[in-house]
Structures are given as C-alpha cells and as structure tokens.
Amino acid sequence: MAQYIATFCGSCNCGCPELFVDHEAPADKRVLITDDFGQRIQMSLDQWHDLVASAKEGTLDVGALPAVVS
C-alpha cells in the first residue's frame, strides 16, 4: 500500500500530481508520482534524493532550463 506524502498544486479539482512512497515496491520503484492524466513515474529513493537536491540547488528552476521549456 502506497503512503500518501504530498499534492503538488491542490488549488483545483483537476487531479493534481501527487507523491507517494510504496514501502512494499521493489527498491527501484519505491517513490511514486502520479499526474492528472493517469500516468505514473516510479523511482528509487536515491533517484528521488538526487531530484530534490537538484531542485534545492536551483538546477530545475525555470530560468535554468532551456528557452523551449518556458
């Protein structure tokens, strides 16, 4: 059973992306992110920690991304 952690946005009722941790999943699929299109991303805790570290460092800020993304 996946444990709910957070909702990203949450200011609407459109099925905002949500973050879960599934302690029963294989180690490389423990972190689960769902989106409002019914898709899901699964990653390891190490990958999650790398993603969070990149966000904290500013690597994922919109200004750091190529112009095509903005």
N, C-alpha and C. Protein backbone atom coordinates (compact mmCIF):
# COMPACT_ATOMS: atom_id res chain seq x y z
N MET A 1 0.85 -1.18 0.00
CA MET A 1 0.00 0.00 0.00
C MET A 1 0.89 1.24 0.00
N ALA A 2 0.65 2.12 -0.94
CA ALA A 2 1.43 3.35 -1.05
C ALA A 2 0.98 4.36 -0.01
N GLN A 3 1.94 5.01 0.60
CA GLN A 3 1.68 6.03 1.62
C GLN A 3 1.69 7.41 0.97
N TYR A 4 0.61 8.14 1.09
CA TYR A 4 0.49 9.49 0.54
C TYR A 4 1.48 10.41 1.25
N ILE A 5 2.17 11.26 0.46
CA ILE A 5 3.12 12.23 1.02
C ILE A 5 2.68 13.66 0.76
N ALA A 6 2.37 13.99 -0.52
CA ALA A 6 2.06 15.39 -0.85
C ALA A 6 1.27 15.49 -2.15
N THR A 7 0.57 16.64 -2.29
CA THR A 7 -0.10 17.00 -3.53
C THR A 7 0.57 18.27 -4.05
N PHE A 8 0.88 18.29 -5.34
CA PHE A 8 1.50 19.47 -5.95
C PHE A 8 0.43 20.26 -6.66
N CYS A 9 0.14 21.41 -6.18
CA CYS A 9 -0.92 22.32 -6.62
C CYS A 9 -2.01 22.24 -5.57
N GLY A 10 -3.00 21.41 -5.79
CA GLY A 10 -4.04 21.25 -4.80
C GLY A 10 -5.04 22.39 -4.73
N SER A 11 -4.87 23.41 -5.57
CA SER A 11 -5.79 24.54 -5.52
C SER A 11 -6.93 24.38 -6.53
N CYS A 12 -7.01 23.21 -7.12
CA CYS A 12 -8.09 22.94 -8.06
C CYS A 12 -8.56 21.51 -7.85
N ASN A 13 -9.50 21.09 -8.63
CA ASN A 13 -10.01 19.73 -8.50
C ASN A 13 -9.76 18.97 -9.81
N CYS A 14 -8.52 19.10 -10.34
CA CYS A 14 -8.23 18.54 -11.66
C CYS A 14 -7.36 17.30 -11.59
N GLY A 15 -7.16 16.75 -10.41
CA GLY A 15 -6.30 15.57 -10.31
C GLY A 15 -4.83 15.94 -10.29
N CYS A 16 -4.47 16.88 -9.49
CA CYS A 16 -3.10 17.38 -9.41
C CYS A 16 -2.10 16.25 -9.14
N PRO A 17 -0.84 16.44 -9.56
CA PRO A 17 0.18 15.43 -9.29
C PRO A 17 0.30 15.17 -7.79
N GLU A 18 0.52 13.90 -7.44
CA GLU A 18 0.67 13.51 -6.04
C GLU A 18 1.90 12.64 -5.87
N LEU A 19 2.47 12.70 -4.69
CA LEU A 19 3.67 11.94 -4.34
C LEU A 19 3.32 10.89 -3.29
N PHE A 20 3.79 9.66 -3.52
CA PHE A 20 3.57 8.55 -2.60
C PHE A 20 4.89 7.81 -2.39
N VAL A 21 4.99 7.08 -1.28
CA VAL A 21 6.08 6.13 -1.07
C VAL A 21 5.44 4.77 -0.85
N ASP A 22 5.88 3.81 -1.64
CA ASP A 22 5.36 2.44 -1.54
C ASP A 22 6.45 1.57 -0.93
N HIS A 23 6.35 1.30 0.34
CA HIS A 23 7.37 0.54 1.05
C HIS A 23 7.41 -0.93 0.64
N GLU A 24 6.37 -1.40 -0.03
CA GLU A 24 6.32 -2.79 -0.47
C GLU A 24 6.81 -2.98 -1.90
N ALA A 25 7.04 -1.89 -2.62
CA ALA A 25 7.51 -1.97 -4.01
C ALA A 25 9.00 -2.32 -4.04
N PRO A 26 9.47 -2.84 -5.18
CA PRO A 26 10.91 -3.06 -5.32
C PRO A 26 11.67 -1.76 -5.05
N ALA A 27 12.89 -1.87 -4.58
CA ALA A 27 13.67 -0.68 -4.18
C ALA A 27 13.80 0.36 -5.28
N ASP A 28 13.83 -0.07 -6.54
CA ASP A 28 13.99 0.88 -7.64
C ASP A 28 12.67 1.53 -8.06
N LYS A 29 11.58 1.21 -7.37
CA LYS A 29 10.27 1.77 -7.71
C LYS A 29 9.51 2.24 -6.48
N ARG A 30 10.20 2.59 -5.41
CA ARG A 30 9.53 2.94 -4.15
C ARG A 30 8.83 4.28 -4.16
N VAL A 31 9.38 5.24 -4.86
CA VAL A 31 8.78 6.58 -4.90
C VAL A 31 7.86 6.63 -6.12
N LEU A 32 6.64 7.08 -5.91
CA LEU A 32 5.63 7.10 -6.96
C LEU A 32 5.05 8.50 -7.09
N ILE A 33 5.07 9.02 -8.31
CA ILE A 33 4.44 10.31 -8.60
C ILE A 33 3.35 10.03 -9.64
N THR A 34 2.14 10.47 -9.33
CA THR A 34 1.04 10.35 -10.28
C THR A 34 0.73 11.74 -10.84
N ASP A 35 0.19 11.76 -12.06
CA ASP A 35 -0.20 13.05 -12.63
C ASP A 35 -1.69 13.08 -12.92
N ASP A 36 -2.14 14.22 -13.42
CA ASP A 36 -3.57 14.40 -13.66
C ASP A 36 -4.05 13.74 -14.94
N PHE A 37 -3.17 13.02 -15.64
CA PHE A 37 -3.54 12.29 -16.84
C PHE A 37 -3.59 10.78 -16.60
N GLY A 38 -3.42 10.37 -15.35
CA GLY A 38 -3.45 8.96 -15.02
C GLY A 38 -2.12 8.25 -15.21
N GLN A 39 -1.08 9.01 -15.51
CA GLN A 39 0.24 8.43 -15.68
C GLN A 39 0.96 8.36 -14.34
N ARG A 40 2.02 7.57 -14.27
CA ARG A 40 2.78 7.46 -13.04
C ARG A 40 4.26 7.29 -13.34
N ILE A 41 5.06 7.84 -12.46
CA ILE A 41 6.51 7.72 -12.52
C ILE A 41 6.93 7.02 -11.24
N GLN A 42 7.78 6.03 -11.39
CA GLN A 42 8.31 5.34 -10.22
C GLN A 42 9.82 5.45 -10.24
N MET A 43 10.41 5.67 -9.08
CA MET A 43 11.86 5.81 -8.99
C MET A 43 12.33 5.33 -7.63
N SER A 44 13.64 5.15 -7.53
CA SER A 44 14.23 4.73 -6.25
C SER A 44 14.34 5.93 -5.31
N LEU A 45 14.55 5.64 -4.05
CA LEU A 45 14.76 6.72 -3.08
C LEU A 45 16.02 7.51 -3.42
N ASP A 46 17.07 6.85 -3.92
CA ASP A 46 18.29 7.56 -4.32
C ASP A 46 18.00 8.54 -5.46
N GLN A 47 17.21 8.10 -6.44
CA GLN A 47 16.85 8.99 -7.55
C GLN A 47 16.03 10.17 -7.03
N TRP A 48 15.12 9.90 -6.09
CA TRP A 48 14.31 10.97 -5.50
C TRP A 48 15.20 11.98 -4.79
N HIS A 49 16.15 11.48 -4.02
CA HIS A 49 17.06 12.38 -3.30
C HIS A 49 17.87 13.23 -4.28
N ASP A 50 18.30 12.66 -5.41
CA ASP A 50 19.02 13.41 -6.43
C ASP A 50 18.13 14.50 -7.03
N LEU A 51 16.87 14.17 -7.29
CA LEU A 51 15.92 15.13 -7.84
C LEU A 51 15.70 16.30 -6.88
N VAL A 52 15.50 15.98 -5.61
CA VAL A 52 15.30 17.01 -4.59
C VAL A 52 16.54 17.88 -4.46
N ALA A 53 17.72 17.27 -4.47
CA ALA A 53 18.98 18.04 -4.38
C ALA A 53 19.11 18.99 -5.57
N SER A 54 18.77 18.52 -6.76
CA SER A 54 18.84 19.38 -7.94
C SER A 54 17.88 20.55 -7.82
N ALA A 55 16.69 20.29 -7.30
CA ALA A 55 15.72 21.37 -7.11
C ALA A 55 16.24 22.39 -6.10
N LYS A 56 16.81 21.92 -5.00
CA LYS A 56 17.33 22.83 -3.98
C LYS A 56 18.49 23.66 -4.50
N GLU A 57 19.30 23.07 -5.39
CA GLU A 57 20.45 23.79 -5.96
C GLU A 57 20.03 24.80 -7.02
N GLY A 58 18.79 24.73 -7.47
CA GLY A 58 18.30 25.66 -8.50
C GLY A 58 18.44 25.13 -9.91
N THR A 59 18.96 23.91 -10.05
CA THR A 59 19.14 23.32 -11.37
C THR A 59 17.82 23.19 -12.12
N LEU A 60 16.72 23.02 -11.41
CA LEU A 60 15.42 22.82 -12.04
C LEU A 60 14.58 24.08 -12.11
N ASP A 61 15.13 25.21 -11.69
CA ASP A 61 14.39 26.47 -11.80
C ASP A 61 14.14 26.78 -13.27
N VAL A 62 13.01 27.37 -13.57
CA VAL A 62 12.65 27.66 -14.95
C VAL A 62 13.74 28.45 -15.66
N GLY A 63 14.37 29.38 -14.98
CA GLY A 63 15.43 30.18 -15.60
C GLY A 63 16.66 29.37 -15.98
N ALA A 64 16.84 28.21 -15.36
CA ALA A 64 17.99 27.35 -15.66
C ALA A 64 17.70 26.37 -16.79
N LEU A 65 16.43 26.26 -17.17
CA LEU A 65 16.05 25.33 -18.23
C LEU A 65 16.16 26.00 -19.59
N PRO A 66 16.28 25.23 -20.66
CA PRO A 66 16.34 25.82 -21.99
C PRO A 66 15.09 26.66 -22.29
N ALA A 67 15.23 27.62 -23.16
CA ALA A 67 14.14 28.54 -23.50
C ALA A 67 12.91 27.81 -24.04
N VAL A 68 13.08 26.65 -24.60
CA VAL A 68 11.98 25.89 -25.17
C VAL A 68 10.97 25.51 -24.09
N VAL A 69 11.42 25.32 -22.86
CA VAL A 69 10.55 24.87 -21.78
C VAL A 69 9.70 26.01 -21.23
N SER A 70 10.17 27.21 -21.25
CA SER A 70 9.44 28.32 -20.62
C SER A 70 8.34 28.86 -21.43
